[in-house]
């Protein structure tokens, strides 16, 4: 890239960040409507890495960008339903399109479409836990303890 072109791209970048509010508003709308940050930077003729770094450098800007992507995740979920309901589309192509949208939605809209499971592991003495739980209510569930007949391993 020649020096004049690079200087011109940096000048446009500087202009965009000086108009931060307007830039972020337009960015959010365009991302929510499906444009990638890369496409937007190409159209604006600004350096992608530098612009992405500017967004990431400020939690408020990052929240705006993430919010726009979350809105886009909702649109992707709607598209998944449309694709699944389209009886004219090839099933294999539909499956690929759906899977791609699901993957993106789980990354961009984690709170709504991502994995929410949390596993808690506790190591306890089983006999003490059973004795403590007998006849109690834990997390809204009555606990019934069914004792197995003693086995040869009970003395371990």
N, C-alpha and C. Protein backbone atom coordinates (compact mmCIF):
# COMPACT_ATOMS: atom_id res chain seq x y z
N UNK A 1 0.85 -1.17 0.00
CA UNK A 1 0.00 0.00 0.00
C UNK A 1 0.90 1.23 0.00
N UNK A 2 0.60 2.15 -0.88
CA UNK A 2 1.43 3.35 -1.00
C UNK A 2 1.17 4.29 0.17
N UNK A 3 2.13 5.17 0.41
CA UNK A 3 2.04 6.11 1.53
C UNK A 3 0.83 7.04 1.42
N UNK A 4 0.50 7.59 0.22
CA UNK A 4 -0.68 8.45 0.15
C UNK A 4 -1.99 7.70 0.45
N UNK A 5 -2.09 6.46 -0.01
CA UNK A 5 -3.30 5.67 0.25
C UNK A 5 -3.40 5.38 1.74
N UNK A 6 -2.28 4.99 2.35
CA UNK A 6 -2.26 4.71 3.78
C UNK A 6 -2.64 5.96 4.57
N UNK A 7 -2.10 7.09 4.20
CA UNK A 7 -2.41 8.34 4.89
C UNK A 7 -3.89 8.69 4.74
N UNK A 8 -4.43 8.44 3.55
CA UNK A 8 -5.85 8.73 3.31
C UNK A 8 -6.73 7.82 4.17
N UNK A 9 -6.37 6.54 4.28
CA UNK A 9 -7.14 5.61 5.12
C UNK A 9 -7.06 6.02 6.58
N UNK A 10 -5.90 6.44 7.02
CA UNK A 10 -5.75 6.88 8.42
C UNK A 10 -6.53 8.18 8.67
N UNK A 11 -6.58 9.05 7.67
CA UNK A 11 -7.35 10.30 7.82
C UNK A 11 -8.84 9.98 7.97
N UNK A 12 -9.34 9.04 7.16
CA UNK A 12 -10.75 8.64 7.28
C UNK A 12 -11.01 7.98 8.63
N UNK A 13 -10.07 7.16 9.07
CA UNK A 13 -10.20 6.52 10.39
C UNK A 13 -10.28 7.59 11.48
N UNK A 14 -9.40 8.58 11.43
CA UNK A 14 -9.39 9.66 12.42
C UNK A 14 -10.71 10.42 12.41
N UNK A 15 -11.22 10.68 11.22
CA UNK A 15 -12.50 11.38 11.10
C UNK A 15 -13.63 10.57 11.74
N UNK A 16 -13.63 9.27 11.52
CA UNK A 16 -14.68 8.42 12.09
C UNK A 16 -14.63 8.39 13.62
N UNK A 17 -13.44 8.27 14.18
CA UNK A 17 -13.37 8.18 15.64
C UNK A 17 -13.62 9.53 16.31
N UNK A 18 -13.38 10.62 15.56
CA UNK A 18 -13.70 11.94 16.11
C UNK A 18 -15.22 12.15 16.17
N UNK A 19 -15.94 11.51 15.27
CA UNK A 19 -17.41 11.56 15.29
C UNK A 19 -17.91 10.26 15.93
N UNK A 20 -17.43 9.99 17.12
CA UNK A 20 -17.66 8.70 17.77
C UNK A 20 -19.14 8.32 17.85
N UNK A 21 -19.97 9.22 18.33
CA UNK A 21 -21.39 8.89 18.51
C UNK A 21 -22.04 8.48 17.20
N UNK A 22 -21.87 9.28 16.17
CA UNK A 22 -22.46 8.98 14.87
C UNK A 22 -21.88 7.70 14.28
N UNK A 23 -20.59 7.53 14.43
CA UNK A 23 -19.93 6.34 13.90
C UNK A 23 -20.47 5.08 14.57
N UNK A 24 -20.60 5.12 15.90
CA UNK A 24 -21.10 3.95 16.62
C UNK A 24 -22.56 3.66 16.30
N UNK A 25 -23.36 4.71 16.11
CA UNK A 25 -24.76 4.50 15.74
C UNK A 25 -24.86 3.80 14.38
N UNK A 26 -24.13 4.29 13.42
CA UNK A 26 -24.17 3.68 12.09
C UNK A 26 -23.61 2.26 12.12
N UNK A 27 -22.52 2.08 12.84
CA UNK A 27 -21.91 0.76 12.96
C UNK A 27 -22.91 -0.23 13.55
N UNK A 28 -23.58 0.16 14.64
CA UNK A 28 -24.53 -0.73 15.31
C UNK A 28 -25.66 -1.14 14.37
N UNK A 29 -26.20 -0.18 13.64
CA UNK A 29 -27.30 -0.47 12.72
C UNK A 29 -26.84 -1.44 11.64
N UNK A 30 -25.69 -1.16 11.07
CA UNK A 30 -25.21 -1.98 9.96
C UNK A 30 -24.86 -3.40 10.41
N UNK A 31 -24.26 -3.53 11.59
CA UNK A 31 -23.95 -4.87 12.11
C UNK A 31 -25.24 -5.62 12.42
N UNK A 32 -26.19 -4.96 13.07
CA UNK A 32 -27.47 -5.60 13.39
C UNK A 32 -28.20 -6.05 12.13
N UNK A 33 -28.00 -5.33 11.03
CA UNK A 33 -28.65 -5.69 9.77
C UNK A 33 -27.88 -6.73 8.98
N UNK A 34 -26.75 -7.18 9.50
CA UNK A 34 -26.06 -8.30 8.87
C UNK A 34 -24.72 -8.03 8.23
N UNK A 35 -24.24 -6.79 8.25
CA UNK A 35 -22.92 -6.51 7.66
C UNK A 35 -21.84 -6.88 8.67
N UNK A 36 -20.74 -7.36 8.16
CA UNK A 36 -19.61 -7.67 9.04
C UNK A 36 -18.77 -6.42 9.26
N UNK A 37 -18.01 -6.43 10.33
CA UNK A 37 -17.11 -5.31 10.60
C UNK A 37 -16.12 -5.15 9.45
N UNK A 38 -15.68 -6.26 8.91
CA UNK A 38 -14.75 -6.22 7.78
C UNK A 38 -15.38 -5.50 6.58
N UNK A 39 -16.62 -5.83 6.25
CA UNK A 39 -17.30 -5.18 5.12
C UNK A 39 -17.47 -3.68 5.35
N UNK A 40 -17.82 -3.32 6.57
CA UNK A 40 -18.02 -1.90 6.89
C UNK A 40 -16.71 -1.15 6.76
N UNK A 41 -15.64 -1.71 7.28
CA UNK A 41 -14.32 -1.05 7.18
C UNK A 41 -13.89 -0.93 5.72
N UNK A 42 -14.18 -1.95 4.91
CA UNK A 42 -13.85 -1.87 3.49
C UNK A 42 -14.61 -0.73 2.82
N UNK A 43 -15.91 -0.62 3.12
CA UNK A 43 -16.70 0.45 2.50
C UNK A 43 -16.24 1.82 2.98
N UNK A 44 -15.93 1.93 4.26
CA UNK A 44 -15.46 3.20 4.80
C UNK A 44 -14.01 3.48 4.43
N UNK A 45 -13.33 2.48 3.87
CA UNK A 45 -11.91 2.58 3.49
C UNK A 45 -11.05 2.97 4.67
N UNK A 46 -11.25 2.25 5.78
CA UNK A 46 -10.42 2.46 6.98
C UNK A 46 -9.74 1.15 7.33
N UNK A 47 -8.61 1.21 8.03
CA UNK A 47 -7.90 -0.02 8.39
C UNK A 47 -8.72 -0.86 9.38
N UNK A 48 -9.02 -2.09 8.99
CA UNK A 48 -9.84 -2.98 9.81
C UNK A 48 -9.23 -3.19 11.20
N UNK A 49 -7.97 -3.56 11.24
CA UNK A 49 -7.32 -3.86 12.52
C UNK A 49 -7.33 -2.68 13.48
N UNK A 50 -7.04 -1.52 12.96
CA UNK A 50 -7.02 -0.32 13.79
C UNK A 50 -8.43 0.02 14.29
N UNK A 51 -9.42 -0.09 13.39
CA UNK A 51 -10.79 0.23 13.79
C UNK A 51 -11.31 -0.80 14.80
N UNK A 52 -11.04 -2.07 14.57
CA UNK A 52 -11.46 -3.11 15.52
C UNK A 52 -10.78 -2.89 16.88
N UNK A 53 -9.53 -2.48 16.85
CA UNK A 53 -8.82 -2.18 18.09
C UNK A 53 -9.43 -1.00 18.83
N UNK A 54 -9.88 0.01 18.08
CA UNK A 54 -10.54 1.17 18.69
C UNK A 54 -11.82 0.73 19.39
N UNK A 55 -12.58 -0.14 18.78
CA UNK A 55 -13.81 -0.65 19.41
C UNK A 55 -13.45 -1.42 20.68
N UNK A 56 -12.49 -2.30 20.58
CA UNK A 56 -12.13 -3.16 21.71
C UNK A 56 -11.49 -2.39 22.86
N UNK A 57 -10.94 -1.23 22.59
CA UNK A 57 -10.22 -0.47 23.62
C UNK A 57 -11.14 0.19 24.65
N UNK A 58 -12.41 0.27 24.38
CA UNK A 58 -13.34 0.95 25.28
C UNK A 58 -14.52 0.03 25.58
N UNK A 59 -14.78 -0.28 26.85
CA UNK A 59 -15.88 -1.19 27.18
C UNK A 59 -17.24 -0.72 26.66
N UNK A 60 -17.48 0.57 26.64
CA UNK A 60 -18.75 1.09 26.14
C UNK A 60 -18.89 0.82 24.64
N UNK A 61 -17.83 1.08 23.89
CA UNK A 61 -17.87 0.80 22.45
C UNK A 61 -18.02 -0.70 22.20
N UNK A 62 -17.33 -1.50 22.99
CA UNK A 62 -17.43 -2.95 22.84
C UNK A 62 -18.85 -3.42 23.16
N UNK A 63 -19.47 -2.83 24.17
CA UNK A 63 -20.86 -3.18 24.52
C UNK A 63 -21.82 -2.84 23.38
N UNK A 64 -21.61 -1.70 22.73
CA UNK A 64 -22.46 -1.31 21.59
C UNK A 64 -22.31 -2.31 20.46
N UNK A 65 -21.07 -2.66 20.15
CA UNK A 65 -20.80 -3.63 19.08
C UNK A 65 -21.39 -5.00 19.44
N UNK A 66 -21.16 -5.45 20.67
CA UNK A 66 -21.70 -6.74 21.11
C UNK A 66 -23.23 -6.74 21.09
N UNK A 67 -23.83 -5.61 21.48
CA UNK A 67 -25.29 -5.50 21.44
C UNK A 67 -25.83 -5.62 20.03
N UNK A 68 -25.15 -5.01 19.08
CA UNK A 68 -25.56 -5.10 17.68
C UNK A 68 -25.45 -6.54 17.19
N UNK A 69 -24.40 -7.22 17.59
CA UNK A 69 -24.24 -8.63 17.20
C UNK A 69 -25.30 -9.50 17.85
N UNK A 70 -25.69 -9.17 19.06
CA UNK A 70 -26.75 -9.91 19.74
C UNK A 70 -28.08 -9.74 19.00
N UNK A 71 -28.35 -8.52 18.54
CA UNK A 71 -29.56 -8.27 17.74
C UNK A 71 -29.49 -9.09 16.45
N UNK A 72 -28.32 -9.13 15.84
CA UNK A 72 -28.14 -9.93 14.62
C UNK A 72 -28.37 -11.41 14.91
N UNK A 73 -27.97 -11.88 16.09
CA UNK A 73 -28.20 -13.28 16.46
C UNK A 73 -29.70 -13.58 16.48
N UNK A 74 -30.51 -12.64 16.95
CA UNK A 74 -31.96 -12.82 16.93
C UNK A 74 -32.45 -12.96 15.48
N UNK A 75 -31.93 -12.14 14.59
CA UNK A 75 -32.32 -12.23 13.18
C UNK A 75 -31.91 -13.58 12.59
N UNK A 76 -30.73 -14.06 12.98
CA UNK A 76 -30.29 -15.37 12.50
C UNK A 76 -31.22 -16.48 12.98
N UNK A 77 -31.68 -16.38 14.22
CA UNK A 77 -32.63 -17.36 14.75
C UNK A 77 -33.91 -17.35 13.93
N UNK A 78 -34.38 -16.16 13.56
CA UNK A 78 -35.57 -16.06 12.72
C UNK A 78 -35.32 -16.69 11.34
N UNK A 79 -34.13 -16.46 10.79
CA UNK A 79 -33.78 -17.04 9.50
C UNK A 79 -33.75 -18.56 9.56
N UNK A 80 -33.30 -19.11 10.68
CA UNK A 80 -33.26 -20.56 10.84
C UNK A 80 -34.66 -21.15 10.70
N UNK A 81 -35.62 -20.51 11.33
CA UNK A 81 -37.01 -20.98 11.22
C UNK A 81 -37.50 -20.90 9.78
N UNK A 82 -37.21 -19.80 9.11
CA UNK A 82 -37.63 -19.65 7.71
C UNK A 82 -37.01 -20.72 6.82
N UNK A 83 -35.74 -20.99 7.02
CA UNK A 83 -35.05 -22.01 6.22
C UNK A 83 -35.66 -23.38 6.49
N UNK A 84 -35.88 -23.67 7.76
CA UNK A 84 -36.44 -24.98 8.12
C UNK A 84 -37.84 -25.17 7.57
N UNK A 85 -38.60 -24.09 7.47
CA UNK A 85 -39.98 -24.18 6.97
C UNK A 85 -40.07 -24.19 5.44
N UNK A 86 -38.98 -23.87 4.77
CA UNK A 86 -38.98 -23.80 3.30
C UNK A 86 -38.90 -25.21 2.73
N UNK A 87 -40.00 -25.68 2.18
CA UNK A 87 -40.06 -27.04 1.65
C UNK A 87 -39.41 -27.15 0.28
N UNK A 88 -39.10 -26.03 -0.36
CA UNK A 88 -38.54 -26.08 -1.72
C UNK A 88 -37.01 -26.19 -1.71
N UNK A 89 -36.40 -25.98 -0.57
CA UNK A 89 -34.93 -25.95 -0.50
C UNK A 89 -34.38 -27.37 -0.32
N UNK A 90 -33.24 -27.61 -0.91
CA UNK A 90 -32.53 -28.88 -0.76
C UNK A 90 -32.19 -29.10 0.72
N UNK A 91 -32.49 -30.28 1.23
CA UNK A 91 -32.30 -30.55 2.66
C UNK A 91 -30.85 -30.42 3.12
N UNK A 92 -29.92 -30.86 2.30
CA UNK A 92 -28.51 -30.76 2.68
C UNK A 92 -28.05 -29.31 2.74
N UNK A 93 -28.46 -28.53 1.76
CA UNK A 93 -28.11 -27.10 1.77
C UNK A 93 -28.77 -26.41 2.96
N UNK A 94 -30.00 -26.76 3.23
CA UNK A 94 -30.71 -26.16 4.36
C UNK A 94 -29.99 -26.49 5.67
N UNK A 95 -29.55 -27.73 5.80
CA UNK A 95 -28.87 -28.15 7.03
C UNK A 95 -27.58 -27.35 7.24
N UNK A 96 -26.84 -27.12 6.17
CA UNK A 96 -25.60 -26.35 6.27
C UNK A 96 -25.91 -24.90 6.65
N UNK A 97 -26.90 -24.31 6.01
CA UNK A 97 -27.28 -22.93 6.31
C UNK A 97 -27.75 -22.79 7.76
N UNK A 98 -28.55 -23.74 8.20
CA UNK A 98 -29.05 -23.71 9.58
C UNK A 98 -27.90 -23.86 10.56
N UNK A 99 -27.03 -24.82 10.33
CA UNK A 99 -25.91 -25.06 11.25
C UNK A 99 -25.00 -23.83 11.36
N UNK A 100 -24.73 -23.19 10.24
CA UNK A 100 -23.88 -21.99 10.26
C UNK A 100 -24.54 -20.88 11.08
N UNK A 101 -25.83 -20.68 10.88
CA UNK A 101 -26.53 -19.64 11.63
C UNK A 101 -26.62 -19.98 13.12
N UNK A 102 -26.83 -21.25 13.42
CA UNK A 102 -26.86 -21.65 14.83
C UNK A 102 -25.52 -21.37 15.51
N UNK A 103 -24.44 -21.70 14.82
CA UNK A 103 -23.12 -21.50 15.41
C UNK A 103 -22.89 -20.02 15.70
N UNK A 104 -23.18 -19.18 14.72
CA UNK A 104 -22.99 -17.74 14.91
C UNK A 104 -23.89 -17.22 16.02
N UNK A 105 -25.14 -17.63 16.04
CA UNK A 105 -26.08 -17.17 17.07
C UNK A 105 -25.60 -17.56 18.46
N UNK A 106 -25.02 -18.74 18.61
CA UNK A 106 -24.54 -19.15 19.94
C UNK A 106 -23.33 -18.33 20.38
N UNK A 107 -22.58 -17.80 19.44
CA UNK A 107 -21.42 -16.97 19.78
C UNK A 107 -21.81 -15.51 20.02
N UNK A 108 -22.71 -14.99 19.19
CA UNK A 108 -23.08 -13.58 19.28
C UNK A 108 -24.21 -13.33 20.26
N UNK A 109 -25.00 -14.33 20.54
CA UNK A 109 -26.12 -14.18 21.47
C UNK A 109 -26.05 -15.24 22.55
N UNK A 110 -24.89 -15.35 23.20
CA UNK A 110 -24.67 -16.41 24.19
C UNK A 110 -25.76 -16.48 25.25
N UNK A 111 -26.20 -15.31 25.72
CA UNK A 111 -27.18 -15.30 26.80
C UNK A 111 -28.51 -15.90 26.37
N UNK A 112 -28.80 -15.89 25.09
CA UNK A 112 -30.08 -16.43 24.61
C UNK A 112 -29.94 -17.74 23.86
N UNK A 113 -28.82 -17.94 23.16
CA UNK A 113 -28.70 -19.10 22.29
C UNK A 113 -27.50 -19.99 22.62
N UNK A 114 -26.64 -19.56 23.53
CA UNK A 114 -25.44 -20.31 23.84
C UNK A 114 -25.66 -21.38 24.89
N UNK A 115 -24.63 -22.12 25.12
CA UNK A 115 -24.66 -23.15 26.16
C UNK A 115 -24.74 -22.47 27.51
N UNK A 116 -25.73 -22.85 28.30
CA UNK A 116 -25.94 -22.24 29.61
C UNK A 116 -25.62 -23.20 30.75
N UNK A 117 -25.28 -24.42 30.42
CA UNK A 117 -25.13 -25.41 31.47
C UNK A 117 -23.85 -25.17 32.28
N UNK A 118 -24.00 -25.35 33.56
CA UNK A 118 -22.88 -25.24 34.48
C UNK A 118 -22.86 -26.52 35.30
N UNK A 119 -21.72 -27.11 35.43
CA UNK A 119 -21.61 -28.35 36.18
C UNK A 119 -20.88 -28.06 37.48
N UNK A 120 -21.49 -28.47 38.58
CA UNK A 120 -20.86 -28.32 39.87
C UNK A 120 -20.56 -29.71 40.38
N UNK A 121 -19.34 -29.93 40.75
CA UNK A 121 -18.94 -31.23 41.25
C UNK A 121 -18.53 -31.08 42.71
N UNK A 122 -19.09 -31.95 43.55
CA UNK A 122 -18.73 -31.95 44.96
C UNK A 122 -18.38 -33.37 45.37
N UNK A 123 -17.31 -33.51 46.10
CA UNK A 123 -16.92 -34.81 46.60
C UNK A 123 -17.38 -34.88 48.05
N UNK A 124 -18.23 -35.86 48.33
CA UNK A 124 -18.79 -35.98 49.67
C UNK A 124 -18.72 -37.42 50.13
N UNK A 125 -18.81 -37.61 51.43
CA UNK A 125 -18.94 -38.94 51.98
C UNK A 125 -20.40 -39.34 51.74
N UNK A 126 -20.63 -40.36 50.94
CA UNK A 126 -21.98 -40.73 50.54
C UNK A 126 -22.85 -41.05 51.75
N UNK A 127 -22.32 -41.76 52.73
CA UNK A 127 -23.14 -42.12 53.89
C UNK A 127 -23.59 -40.88 54.66
N UNK A 128 -22.67 -39.93 54.84
CA UNK A 128 -23.03 -38.69 55.54
C UNK A 128 -24.05 -37.89 54.74
N UNK A 129 -23.87 -37.83 53.44
CA UNK A 129 -24.80 -37.09 52.59
C UNK A 129 -26.19 -37.71 52.63
N UNK A 130 -26.26 -39.04 52.57
CA UNK A 130 -27.56 -39.71 52.63
C UNK A 130 -28.22 -39.50 53.98
N UNK A 131 -27.45 -39.59 55.05
CA UNK A 131 -28.02 -39.39 56.39
C UNK A 131 -28.52 -37.96 56.55
N UNK A 132 -27.78 -37.00 56.02
CA UNK A 132 -28.18 -35.60 56.14
C UNK A 132 -29.39 -35.29 55.29
N UNK A 133 -29.52 -35.97 54.16
CA UNK A 133 -30.60 -35.67 53.23
C UNK A 133 -31.91 -36.37 53.60
N UNK A 134 -31.85 -37.41 54.39
CA UNK A 134 -33.02 -38.23 54.68
C UNK A 134 -34.18 -37.36 55.19
N UNK A 135 -35.29 -37.36 54.44
CA UNK A 135 -36.48 -36.67 54.88
C UNK A 135 -36.46 -35.17 54.73
N UNK A 136 -35.48 -34.60 54.07
CA UNK A 136 -35.39 -33.15 53.93
C UNK A 136 -35.86 -32.72 52.55
N UNK A 137 -36.09 -31.43 52.43
CA UNK A 137 -36.44 -30.85 51.14
C UNK A 137 -35.23 -30.03 50.67
N UNK A 138 -34.73 -30.36 49.49
CA UNK A 138 -33.56 -29.67 48.95
C UNK A 138 -33.95 -29.08 47.60
N UNK A 139 -33.78 -27.78 47.47
CA UNK A 139 -34.09 -27.05 46.24
C UNK A 139 -35.50 -27.37 45.75
N UNK A 140 -36.45 -27.43 46.69
CA UNK A 140 -37.84 -27.63 46.33
C UNK A 140 -38.23 -29.06 46.03
N UNK A 141 -37.31 -30.01 46.21
CA UNK A 141 -37.59 -31.41 45.92
C UNK A 141 -37.47 -32.22 47.20
N UNK A 142 -38.47 -33.03 47.47
CA UNK A 142 -38.38 -33.92 48.63
C UNK A 142 -37.34 -34.98 48.32
N UNK A 143 -36.54 -35.31 49.31
CA UNK A 143 -35.48 -36.29 49.12
C UNK A 143 -35.89 -37.59 49.78
N UNK A 144 -35.93 -38.63 49.00
CA UNK A 144 -36.20 -39.96 49.53
C UNK A 144 -34.93 -40.77 49.38
N UNK A 145 -34.50 -41.37 50.45
CA UNK A 145 -33.27 -42.16 50.41
C UNK A 145 -33.66 -43.63 50.45
N UNK A 146 -33.26 -44.34 49.44
CA UNK A 146 -33.51 -45.77 49.38
C UNK A 146 -32.18 -46.44 49.65
N UNK A 147 -32.14 -47.18 50.73
CA UNK A 147 -30.89 -47.82 51.10
C UNK A 147 -30.80 -49.19 50.47
N UNK A 148 -29.63 -49.48 49.94
CA UNK A 148 -29.38 -50.79 49.36
C UNK A 148 -28.93 -51.72 50.46
N UNK A 149 -29.15 -53.01 50.25
CA UNK A 149 -28.66 -53.96 51.26
C UNK A 149 -27.15 -53.87 51.37
N UNK A 150 -26.60 -54.11 52.56
CA UNK A 150 -25.14 -54.03 52.72
C UNK A 150 -24.42 -55.00 51.78
N UNK A 151 -23.25 -54.58 51.34
CA UNK A 151 -22.45 -55.43 50.49
C UNK A 151 -21.09 -55.63 51.13
N UNK A 152 -20.31 -56.49 50.54
CA UNK A 152 -18.97 -56.77 51.07
C UNK A 152 -18.07 -55.55 51.00
N UNK A 153 -18.36 -54.60 50.10
CA UNK A 153 -17.52 -53.42 49.95
C UNK A 153 -17.82 -52.35 51.00
N UNK A 154 -18.88 -52.50 51.82
CA UNK A 154 -19.27 -51.47 52.77
C UNK A 154 -18.20 -51.15 53.80
N UNK A 155 -17.33 -52.07 54.09
CA UNK A 155 -16.30 -51.84 55.11
C UNK A 155 -15.09 -51.10 54.55
N UNK A 156 -15.07 -50.79 53.27
CA UNK A 156 -13.92 -50.10 52.66
C UNK A 156 -13.82 -48.74 53.15
